[in-house]
Amino acid sequence: MTDLTDVLLNDGKTVHYEVALALASFSYRFGDFKVKKSSPISLTVENLGERKLLVKGEVSVEVWIPCARCLEPVASELDIRFENELEADDRDYIEGYSLDVDQLVHDEALLVWPERVLCREDCKGLCSTCGQNLNDGSCSCGPTDLDPRMAKILDIFKNV
């Protein structure tokens, strides 16, 4: 929590902060993602008057995100930049005279979250039968049953 007393009590006042990110992980409905490292949060808060604040900030966070094919953790850099106008009584981020910077960064990270992360471009993924990571070697599973309409395509590839 960052103390905003000086900013909240003075219309037109602008204050710059350097704040350490205290989050150990980002938790969303699709999983928990451990923070590997983070730069300090560069934060500027301006009192716009009428109990409104302009909050600008940026932070770079490295997060472990699973590969979309093999599920191995991949270190992924998130460059988070935000500019939000908040009411002084916004309960999502402001409690009394303090700003919950971690909650603000947590919510803003979702906006820059990568759609898909791969450990490498040629990742082979997991065997759909046994779950073996095919990047570590092949498995002993036999060929899977194919749709009979696709069997002719398999014959073509066997003859190449």
N, C-alpha and C. Protein backbone atom coordinates (compact mmCIF):
# COMPACT_ATOMS: atom_id res chain seq x y z
N MET A 1 0.85 -1.17 0.00
CA MET A 1 0.00 0.00 0.00
C MET A 1 0.90 1.25 0.00
N THR A 2 0.53 2.21 -0.82
CA THR A 2 1.29 3.44 -0.95
C THR A 2 0.46 4.58 -0.35
N ASP A 3 1.08 5.33 0.55
CA ASP A 3 0.39 6.42 1.23
C ASP A 3 0.17 7.60 0.29
N LEU A 4 -1.11 8.00 0.11
CA LEU A 4 -1.47 9.10 -0.78
C LEU A 4 -1.94 10.33 -0.02
N THR A 5 -1.70 10.40 1.26
CA THR A 5 -2.22 11.49 2.08
C THR A 5 -1.88 12.85 1.49
N ASP A 6 -0.62 13.07 1.16
CA ASP A 6 -0.17 14.36 0.63
C ASP A 6 -0.90 14.72 -0.67
N VAL A 7 -1.11 13.75 -1.54
CA VAL A 7 -1.78 14.00 -2.82
C VAL A 7 -3.27 14.24 -2.61
N LEU A 8 -3.90 13.42 -1.79
CA LEU A 8 -5.34 13.53 -1.60
C LEU A 8 -5.76 14.84 -0.93
N LEU A 9 -4.91 15.40 -0.10
CA LEU A 9 -5.26 16.62 0.64
C LEU A 9 -4.97 17.91 -0.12
N ASN A 10 -4.33 17.81 -1.30
CA ASN A 10 -3.93 19.01 -2.04
C ASN A 10 -4.33 18.92 -3.51
N ASP A 11 -5.39 19.65 -3.89
CA ASP A 11 -5.81 19.68 -5.29
C ASP A 11 -4.66 20.16 -6.17
N GLY A 12 -4.47 19.50 -7.31
CA GLY A 12 -3.42 19.87 -8.25
C GLY A 12 -2.06 19.28 -7.92
N LYS A 13 -1.92 18.65 -6.78
CA LYS A 13 -0.64 18.10 -6.34
C LYS A 13 -0.30 16.84 -7.15
N THR A 14 0.97 16.71 -7.56
CA THR A 14 1.47 15.54 -8.27
C THR A 14 2.67 14.99 -7.50
N VAL A 15 2.67 13.69 -7.28
CA VAL A 15 3.77 13.04 -6.57
C VAL A 15 4.20 11.81 -7.35
N HIS A 16 5.53 11.61 -7.42
CA HIS A 16 6.10 10.44 -8.10
C HIS A 16 6.61 9.47 -7.03
N TYR A 17 6.36 8.18 -7.24
CA TYR A 17 6.78 7.13 -6.32
C TYR A 17 7.55 6.06 -7.09
N GLU A 18 8.49 5.41 -6.42
CA GLU A 18 9.11 4.18 -6.89
C GLU A 18 8.73 3.14 -5.85
N VAL A 19 7.97 2.14 -6.27
CA VAL A 19 7.41 1.17 -5.35
C VAL A 19 7.82 -0.23 -5.76
N ALA A 20 8.22 -1.04 -4.80
CA ALA A 20 8.56 -2.44 -5.10
C ALA A 20 7.27 -3.24 -5.23
N LEU A 21 7.24 -4.14 -6.21
CA LEU A 21 6.09 -5.03 -6.39
C LEU A 21 6.17 -6.12 -5.33
N ALA A 22 5.12 -6.26 -4.55
CA ALA A 22 5.10 -7.26 -3.48
C ALA A 22 4.45 -8.57 -3.91
N LEU A 23 3.85 -8.60 -5.10
CA LEU A 23 3.17 -9.81 -5.57
C LEU A 23 4.16 -10.94 -5.81
N ALA A 24 3.85 -12.12 -5.28
CA ALA A 24 4.67 -13.31 -5.55
C ALA A 24 4.14 -14.05 -6.76
N SER A 25 2.84 -13.82 -7.07
CA SER A 25 2.25 -14.48 -8.24
C SER A 25 1.02 -13.71 -8.69
N PHE A 26 0.64 -13.95 -9.94
CA PHE A 26 -0.60 -13.42 -10.49
C PHE A 26 -1.60 -14.56 -10.45
N SER A 27 -2.74 -14.34 -9.84
CA SER A 27 -3.77 -15.37 -9.75
C SER A 27 -5.00 -14.94 -10.53
N TYR A 28 -5.33 -15.77 -11.50
CA TYR A 28 -6.52 -15.54 -12.32
C TYR A 28 -7.31 -16.83 -12.36
N ARG A 29 -8.49 -16.80 -12.95
CA ARG A 29 -9.31 -18.02 -13.01
C ARG A 29 -8.66 -19.12 -13.84
N PHE A 30 -7.71 -18.77 -14.71
CA PHE A 30 -7.03 -19.77 -15.52
C PHE A 30 -5.70 -20.20 -14.93
N GLY A 31 -5.42 -19.86 -13.68
CA GLY A 31 -4.23 -20.36 -13.01
C GLY A 31 -3.48 -19.33 -12.18
N ASP A 32 -2.45 -19.82 -11.49
CA ASP A 32 -1.55 -18.97 -10.72
C ASP A 32 -0.20 -18.98 -11.43
N PHE A 33 0.38 -17.78 -11.56
CA PHE A 33 1.60 -17.63 -12.33
C PHE A 33 2.64 -16.91 -11.47
N LYS A 34 3.71 -17.63 -11.15
CA LYS A 34 4.74 -17.13 -10.25
C LYS A 34 5.55 -15.99 -10.89
N VAL A 35 5.78 -14.93 -10.10
CA VAL A 35 6.62 -13.82 -10.55
C VAL A 35 8.07 -14.23 -10.35
N LYS A 36 8.83 -14.21 -11.43
CA LYS A 36 10.25 -14.56 -11.38
C LYS A 36 11.06 -13.37 -10.91
N LYS A 37 10.80 -12.18 -11.49
CA LYS A 37 11.47 -10.96 -11.07
C LYS A 37 10.66 -9.77 -11.55
N SER A 38 10.97 -8.60 -10.97
CA SER A 38 10.22 -7.40 -11.31
C SER A 38 11.10 -6.17 -11.11
N SER A 39 10.87 -5.17 -11.98
CA SER A 39 11.51 -3.88 -11.76
C SER A 39 10.66 -3.12 -10.75
N PRO A 40 11.18 -2.05 -10.15
CA PRO A 40 10.33 -1.23 -9.28
C PRO A 40 9.22 -0.59 -10.12
N ILE A 41 8.09 -0.36 -9.51
CA ILE A 41 6.96 0.28 -10.18
C ILE A 41 7.20 1.78 -10.16
N SER A 42 7.24 2.39 -11.33
CA SER A 42 7.35 3.84 -11.45
C SER A 42 5.92 4.37 -11.49
N LEU A 43 5.55 5.17 -10.50
CA LEU A 43 4.17 5.58 -10.31
C LEU A 43 4.07 7.09 -10.12
N THR A 44 3.15 7.72 -10.85
CA THR A 44 2.87 9.15 -10.68
C THR A 44 1.39 9.30 -10.37
N VAL A 45 1.10 10.02 -9.30
CA VAL A 45 -0.29 10.24 -8.89
C VAL A 45 -0.53 11.74 -8.87
N GLU A 46 -1.59 12.17 -9.57
CA GLU A 46 -1.95 13.59 -9.64
C GLU A 46 -3.37 13.77 -9.14
N ASN A 47 -3.57 14.74 -8.24
CA ASN A 47 -4.90 15.08 -7.74
C ASN A 47 -5.54 16.03 -8.75
N LEU A 48 -6.60 15.57 -9.41
CA LEU A 48 -7.28 16.37 -10.44
C LEU A 48 -8.36 17.27 -9.85
N GLY A 49 -8.56 17.19 -8.56
CA GLY A 49 -9.64 17.95 -7.91
C GLY A 49 -10.92 17.15 -7.92
N GLU A 50 -11.88 17.58 -7.17
CA GLU A 50 -13.18 16.91 -7.07
C GLU A 50 -13.04 15.43 -6.74
N ARG A 51 -12.08 15.11 -5.88
CA ARG A 51 -11.82 13.74 -5.39
C ARG A 51 -11.47 12.76 -6.52
N LYS A 52 -10.82 13.26 -7.58
CA LYS A 52 -10.37 12.41 -8.68
C LYS A 52 -8.85 12.41 -8.73
N LEU A 53 -8.30 11.23 -9.03
CA LEU A 53 -6.85 11.06 -9.13
C LEU A 53 -6.51 10.50 -10.51
N LEU A 54 -5.41 10.99 -11.07
CA LEU A 54 -4.85 10.40 -12.29
C LEU A 54 -3.63 9.59 -11.85
N VAL A 55 -3.69 8.29 -12.10
CA VAL A 55 -2.62 7.38 -11.69
C VAL A 55 -1.96 6.83 -12.94
N LYS A 56 -0.67 7.13 -13.11
CA LYS A 56 0.11 6.63 -14.24
C LYS A 56 1.25 5.78 -13.70
N GLY A 57 1.55 4.70 -14.41
CA GLY A 57 2.65 3.87 -13.94
C GLY A 57 3.15 2.92 -14.99
N GLU A 58 4.30 2.36 -14.68
CA GLU A 58 4.88 1.31 -15.53
C GLU A 58 5.77 0.42 -14.70
N VAL A 59 5.79 -0.84 -15.12
CA VAL A 59 6.62 -1.85 -14.45
C VAL A 59 6.88 -2.97 -15.44
N SER A 60 8.02 -3.60 -15.30
CA SER A 60 8.36 -4.76 -16.11
C SER A 60 8.42 -5.96 -15.17
N VAL A 61 7.65 -7.01 -15.51
CA VAL A 61 7.56 -8.19 -14.66
C VAL A 61 7.85 -9.43 -15.49
N GLU A 62 8.67 -10.32 -14.95
CA GLU A 62 8.92 -11.60 -15.60
C GLU A 62 8.13 -12.66 -14.85
N VAL A 63 7.28 -13.39 -15.59
CA VAL A 63 6.35 -14.35 -15.00
C VAL A 63 6.55 -15.71 -15.64
N TRP A 64 6.38 -16.77 -14.85
CA TRP A 64 6.42 -18.13 -15.39
C TRP A 64 5.05 -18.48 -15.94
N ILE A 65 4.96 -18.73 -17.26
CA ILE A 65 3.71 -19.10 -17.92
C ILE A 65 3.94 -20.44 -18.61
N PRO A 66 3.02 -21.39 -18.49
CA PRO A 66 3.21 -22.69 -19.13
C PRO A 66 3.17 -22.61 -20.65
N CYS A 67 4.03 -23.40 -21.29
CA CYS A 67 4.03 -23.53 -22.76
C CYS A 67 2.66 -24.06 -23.19
N ALA A 68 2.13 -23.51 -24.27
CA ALA A 68 0.81 -23.91 -24.76
C ALA A 68 0.79 -25.33 -25.30
N ARG A 69 1.95 -25.89 -25.60
CA ARG A 69 1.99 -27.25 -26.17
C ARG A 69 2.45 -28.30 -25.16
N CYS A 70 3.53 -28.02 -24.41
CA CYS A 70 4.09 -29.06 -23.53
C CYS A 70 3.92 -28.75 -22.03
N LEU A 71 3.42 -27.58 -21.71
CA LEU A 71 3.13 -27.15 -20.34
C LEU A 71 4.37 -26.88 -19.48
N GLU A 72 5.57 -26.90 -20.06
CA GLU A 72 6.77 -26.54 -19.31
C GLU A 72 6.73 -25.03 -19.02
N PRO A 73 7.19 -24.59 -17.83
CA PRO A 73 7.15 -23.15 -17.53
C PRO A 73 8.13 -22.36 -18.41
N VAL A 74 7.66 -21.21 -18.88
CA VAL A 74 8.45 -20.33 -19.74
C VAL A 74 8.50 -18.95 -19.08
N ALA A 75 9.71 -18.40 -18.94
CA ALA A 75 9.85 -17.05 -18.39
C ALA A 75 9.37 -16.06 -19.45
N SER A 76 8.34 -15.30 -19.12
CA SER A 76 7.72 -14.36 -20.06
C SER A 76 7.72 -12.95 -19.48
N GLU A 77 8.21 -12.00 -20.26
CA GLU A 77 8.30 -10.61 -19.81
C GLU A 77 7.00 -9.86 -20.13
N LEU A 78 6.45 -9.21 -19.13
CA LEU A 78 5.27 -8.38 -19.30
C LEU A 78 5.66 -6.93 -19.04
N ASP A 79 5.50 -6.08 -20.04
CA ASP A 79 5.73 -4.65 -19.86
C ASP A 79 4.37 -4.00 -19.63
N ILE A 80 4.14 -3.59 -18.40
CA ILE A 80 2.83 -3.08 -18.00
C ILE A 80 2.91 -1.57 -17.88
N ARG A 81 2.07 -0.89 -18.65
CA ARG A 81 1.94 0.57 -18.58
C ARG A 81 0.47 0.89 -18.40
N PHE A 82 0.17 1.83 -17.53
CA PHE A 82 -1.22 2.16 -17.29
C PHE A 82 -1.39 3.63 -16.99
N GLU A 83 -2.59 4.11 -17.25
CA GLU A 83 -3.00 5.47 -16.94
C GLU A 83 -4.49 5.40 -16.62
N ASN A 84 -4.82 5.54 -15.36
CA ASN A 84 -6.20 5.40 -14.91
C ASN A 84 -6.65 6.63 -14.12
N GLU A 85 -7.88 7.02 -14.35
CA GLU A 85 -8.49 8.06 -13.53
C GLU A 85 -9.33 7.35 -12.49
N LEU A 86 -9.02 7.59 -11.22
CA LEU A 86 -9.72 6.92 -10.12
C LEU A 86 -10.44 7.93 -9.25
N GLU A 87 -11.54 7.51 -8.68
CA GLU A 87 -12.20 8.31 -7.65
C GLU A 87 -11.44 8.09 -6.35
N ALA A 88 -11.38 9.08 -5.51
CA ALA A 88 -10.63 8.97 -4.25
C ALA A 88 -11.23 7.91 -3.33
N ASP A 89 -12.47 7.52 -3.58
CA ASP A 89 -13.08 6.48 -2.74
C ASP A 89 -13.27 5.16 -3.50
N ASP A 90 -12.48 4.93 -4.55
CA ASP A 90 -12.53 3.69 -5.33
C ASP A 90 -12.06 2.54 -4.46
N ARG A 91 -12.97 1.69 -4.04
CA ARG A 91 -12.64 0.63 -3.08
C ARG A 91 -11.82 -0.50 -3.67
N ASP A 92 -11.75 -0.59 -5.00
CA ASP A 92 -10.92 -1.63 -5.61
C ASP A 92 -9.43 -1.36 -5.37
N TYR A 93 -9.05 -0.10 -5.34
CA TYR A 93 -7.62 0.26 -5.25
C TYR A 93 -7.26 1.18 -4.10
N ILE A 94 -8.21 1.92 -3.56
CA ILE A 94 -7.91 2.91 -2.53
C ILE A 94 -8.63 2.54 -1.24
N GLU A 95 -7.85 2.49 -0.17
CA GLU A 95 -8.40 2.21 1.16
C GLU A 95 -7.92 3.32 2.09
N GLY A 96 -8.86 4.17 2.49
CA GLY A 96 -8.48 5.33 3.30
C GLY A 96 -7.63 6.27 2.48
N TYR A 97 -6.38 6.45 2.89
CA TYR A 97 -5.44 7.31 2.16
C TYR A 97 -4.33 6.50 1.49
N SER A 98 -4.58 5.21 1.26
CA SER A 98 -3.55 4.34 0.69
C SER A 98 -4.01 3.73 -0.62
N LEU A 99 -3.08 3.63 -1.56
CA LEU A 99 -3.33 3.02 -2.87
C LEU A 99 -2.73 1.62 -2.87
N ASP A 100 -3.54 0.64 -3.27
CA ASP A 100 -3.08 -0.74 -3.39
C ASP A 100 -2.46 -0.91 -4.78
N VAL A 101 -1.18 -0.61 -4.87
CA VAL A 101 -0.46 -0.64 -6.15
C VAL A 101 -0.38 -2.06 -6.69
N ASP A 102 -0.21 -3.04 -5.82
CA ASP A 102 -0.13 -4.43 -6.27
C ASP A 102 -1.43 -4.87 -6.95
N GLN A 103 -2.57 -4.49 -6.39
CA GLN A 103 -3.85 -4.84 -7.01
C GLN A 103 -4.01 -4.16 -8.36
N LEU A 104 -3.56 -2.92 -8.45
CA LEU A 104 -3.63 -2.18 -9.71
C LEU A 104 -2.77 -2.85 -10.78
N VAL A 105 -1.55 -3.22 -10.44
CA VAL A 105 -0.65 -3.91 -11.38
C VAL A 105 -1.22 -5.28 -11.74
N HIS A 106 -1.75 -5.99 -10.75
CA HIS A 106 -2.35 -7.31 -10.98
C HIS A 106 -3.44 -7.21 -12.05
N ASP A 107 -4.33 -6.24 -11.90
CA ASP A 107 -5.44 -6.09 -12.86
C ASP A 107 -4.96 -5.62 -14.23
N GLU A 108 -3.97 -4.75 -14.26
CA GLU A 108 -3.45 -4.25 -15.54
C GLU A 108 -2.65 -5.32 -16.28
N ALA A 109 -2.06 -6.27 -15.57
CA ALA A 109 -1.28 -7.33 -16.21
C ALA A 109 -2.15 -8.17 -17.13
N LEU A 110 -3.39 -8.35 -16.75
CA LEU A 110 -4.30 -9.14 -17.57
C LEU A 110 -4.49 -8.54 -18.96
N LEU A 111 -4.37 -7.23 -19.07
CA LEU A 111 -4.54 -6.55 -20.36
C LEU A 111 -3.37 -6.78 -21.32
N VAL A 112 -2.20 -7.11 -20.78
CA VAL A 112 -1.02 -7.35 -21.63
C VAL A 112 -0.59 -8.82 -21.62
N TRP A 113 -1.42 -9.66 -21.02
CA TRP A 113 -1.10 -11.08 -20.91
C TRP A 113 -0.98 -11.70 -22.30
N PRO A 114 0.08 -12.47 -22.57
CA PRO A 114 0.23 -13.07 -23.90
C PRO A 114 -0.87 -14.10 -24.17
N GLU A 115 -1.34 -14.10 -25.40
CA GLU A 115 -2.40 -15.03 -25.79
C GLU A 115 -1.90 -16.47 -25.77
N ARG A 116 -0.64 -16.66 -26.19
CA ARG A 116 -0.08 -18.00 -26.28
C ARG A 116 1.42 -17.91 -26.09
N VAL A 117 1.97 -18.79 -25.27
CA VAL A 117 3.41 -18.82 -25.01
C VAL A 117 3.94 -20.20 -25.39
N LEU A 118 5.05 -20.22 -26.12
CA LEU A 118 5.71 -21.47 -26.49
C LEU A 118 7.11 -21.49 -25.90
N CYS A 119 7.56 -22.67 -25.45
CA CYS A 119 8.92 -22.80 -24.91
C CYS A 119 9.94 -22.63 -26.03
N ARG A 120 9.56 -23.07 -27.23
CA ARG A 120 10.34 -22.87 -28.44
C ARG A 120 9.41 -23.05 -29.63
N GLU A 121 9.76 -22.49 -30.75
CA GLU A 121 8.88 -22.48 -31.91
C GLU A 121 8.55 -23.89 -32.40
N ASP A 122 9.51 -24.83 -32.27
CA ASP A 122 9.28 -26.19 -32.77
C ASP A 122 8.87 -27.16 -31.65
N CYS A 123 8.25 -26.67 -30.60
CA CYS A 123 7.82 -27.52 -29.49
C CYS A 123 6.90 -28.62 -30.02
N LYS A 124 7.18 -29.86 -29.61
CA LYS A 124 6.41 -31.01 -30.09
C LYS A 124 5.19 -31.30 -29.24
N GLY A 125 5.11 -30.70 -28.06
CA GLY A 125 3.94 -30.88 -27.21
C GLY A 125 3.95 -32.20 -26.45
N LEU A 126 2.75 -32.62 -26.05
CA LEU A 126 2.56 -33.83 -25.26
C LEU A 126 1.87 -34.91 -26.10
N CYS A 127 2.19 -36.16 -25.82
CA CYS A 127 1.49 -37.27 -26.46
C CYS A 127 0.04 -37.22 -25.97
N SER A 128 -0.90 -37.31 -26.90
CA SER A 128 -2.31 -37.23 -26.53
C SER A 128 -2.80 -38.49 -25.83
N THR A 129 -2.00 -39.56 -25.85
CA THR A 129 -2.40 -40.81 -25.20
C THR A 129 -1.81 -40.92 -23.80
N CYS A 130 -0.48 -40.80 -23.68
CA CYS A 130 0.16 -41.03 -22.38
C CYS A 130 0.63 -39.76 -21.68
N GLY A 131 0.69 -38.64 -22.38
CA GLY A 131 1.11 -37.39 -21.76
C GLY A 131 2.61 -37.15 -21.76
N GLN A 132 3.38 -38.02 -22.39
CA GLN A 132 4.84 -37.85 -22.47
C GLN A 132 5.18 -36.53 -23.16
N ASN A 133 6.14 -35.78 -22.59
CA ASN A 133 6.63 -34.57 -23.26
C ASN A 133 7.48 -35.04 -24.44
N LEU A 134 7.01 -34.79 -25.64
CA LEU A 134 7.69 -35.29 -26.84
C LEU A 134 8.98 -34.52 -27.16
N ASN A 135 9.24 -33.43 -26.47
CA ASN A 135 10.51 -32.73 -26.60
C ASN A 135 11.62 -33.53 -25.92
N ASP A 136 11.25 -34.34 -24.90
CA ASP A 136 12.23 -35.13 -24.15
C ASP A 136 12.47 -36.50 -24.77
N GLY A 137 11.70 -36.85 -25.79
CA GLY A 137 11.84 -38.15 -26.45
C GLY A 137 10.48 -38.70 -26.83
N SER A 138 10.51 -39.72 -27.68
CA SER A 138 9.24 -40.29 -28.12
C SER A 138 8.71 -41.23 -27.05
N CYS A 139 7.45 -41.59 -27.20
CA CYS A 139 6.82 -42.50 -26.25
C CYS A 139 6.58 -43.85 -26.94
N SER A 140 6.08 -44.82 -26.19
CA SER A 140 5.86 -46.15 -26.76
C SER A 140 4.42 -46.36 -27.22
N CYS A 141 3.66 -45.31 -27.27
CA CYS A 141 2.27 -45.43 -27.73
C CYS A 141 2.25 -45.72 -29.23
N GLY A 142 1.32 -46.57 -29.63
CA GLY A 142 1.17 -46.87 -31.05
C GLY A 142 0.41 -45.74 -31.73
N PRO A 143 0.27 -45.85 -33.04
CA PRO A 143 -0.49 -44.82 -33.74
C PRO A 143 -1.94 -44.82 -33.26
N THR A 144 -2.50 -43.66 -33.15
CA THR A 144 -3.88 -43.55 -32.68
C THR A 144 -4.84 -43.89 -33.81
N ASP A 145 -6.03 -44.31 -33.43
CA ASP A 145 -7.05 -44.60 -34.42
C ASP A 145 -7.44 -43.31 -35.13
N LEU A 146 -7.39 -43.38 -36.45
CA LEU A 146 -7.75 -42.21 -37.23
C LEU A 146 -9.17 -42.33 -37.73
N ASP A 147 -9.74 -41.22 -38.02
CA ASP A 147 -11.03 -41.17 -38.69
C ASP A 147 -10.83 -41.87 -40.04
N PRO A 148 -11.66 -42.84 -40.40
CA PRO A 148 -11.46 -43.57 -41.65
C PRO A 148 -11.38 -42.66 -42.87
N ARG A 149 -12.01 -41.52 -42.80
CA ARG A 149 -11.95 -40.59 -43.92
C ARG A 149 -10.55 -40.00 -44.07
N MET A 150 -9.76 -40.03 -43.01
CA MET A 150 -8.41 -39.46 -43.05
C MET A 150 -7.33 -40.53 -43.30
N ALA A 151 -7.68 -41.80 -43.32
CA ALA A 151 -6.71 -42.89 -43.47
C ALA A 151 -5.92 -42.77 -44.76
N LYS A 152 -6.53 -42.33 -45.84
CA LYS A 152 -5.84 -42.20 -47.13
C LYS A 152 -4.71 -41.17 -47.04
N ILE A 153 -4.91 -40.12 -46.24
CA ILE A 153 -3.86 -39.12 -46.08
C ILE A 153 -2.65 -39.74 -45.39
N LEU A 154 -2.88 -40.58 -44.39
CA LEU A 154 -1.79 -41.26 -43.70
C LEU A 154 -1.01 -42.12 -44.69
N ASP A 155 -1.70 -42.80 -45.59
CA ASP A 155 -1.03 -43.63 -46.62
C ASP A 155 -0.12 -42.77 -47.50
N ILE A 156 -0.54 -41.60 -47.83
CA ILE A 156 0.26 -40.69 -48.66
C ILE A 156 1.57 -40.37 -47.96
N PHE A 157 1.50 -40.04 -46.65
CA PHE A 157 2.70 -39.68 -45.91
C PHE A 157 3.63 -40.87 -45.67
N LYS A 158 3.09 -42.08 -45.61
CA LYS A 158 3.94 -43.28 -45.45
C LYS A 158 4.77 -43.53 -46.70
N ASN A 159 4.25 -43.14 -47.85
CA ASN A 159 4.94 -43.39 -49.11
C ASN A 159 5.93 -42.29 -49.48
N VAL A 160 6.04 -41.27 -48.73
CA VAL A 160 6.95 -40.16 -49.05
C VAL A 160 8.34 -40.45 -48.57
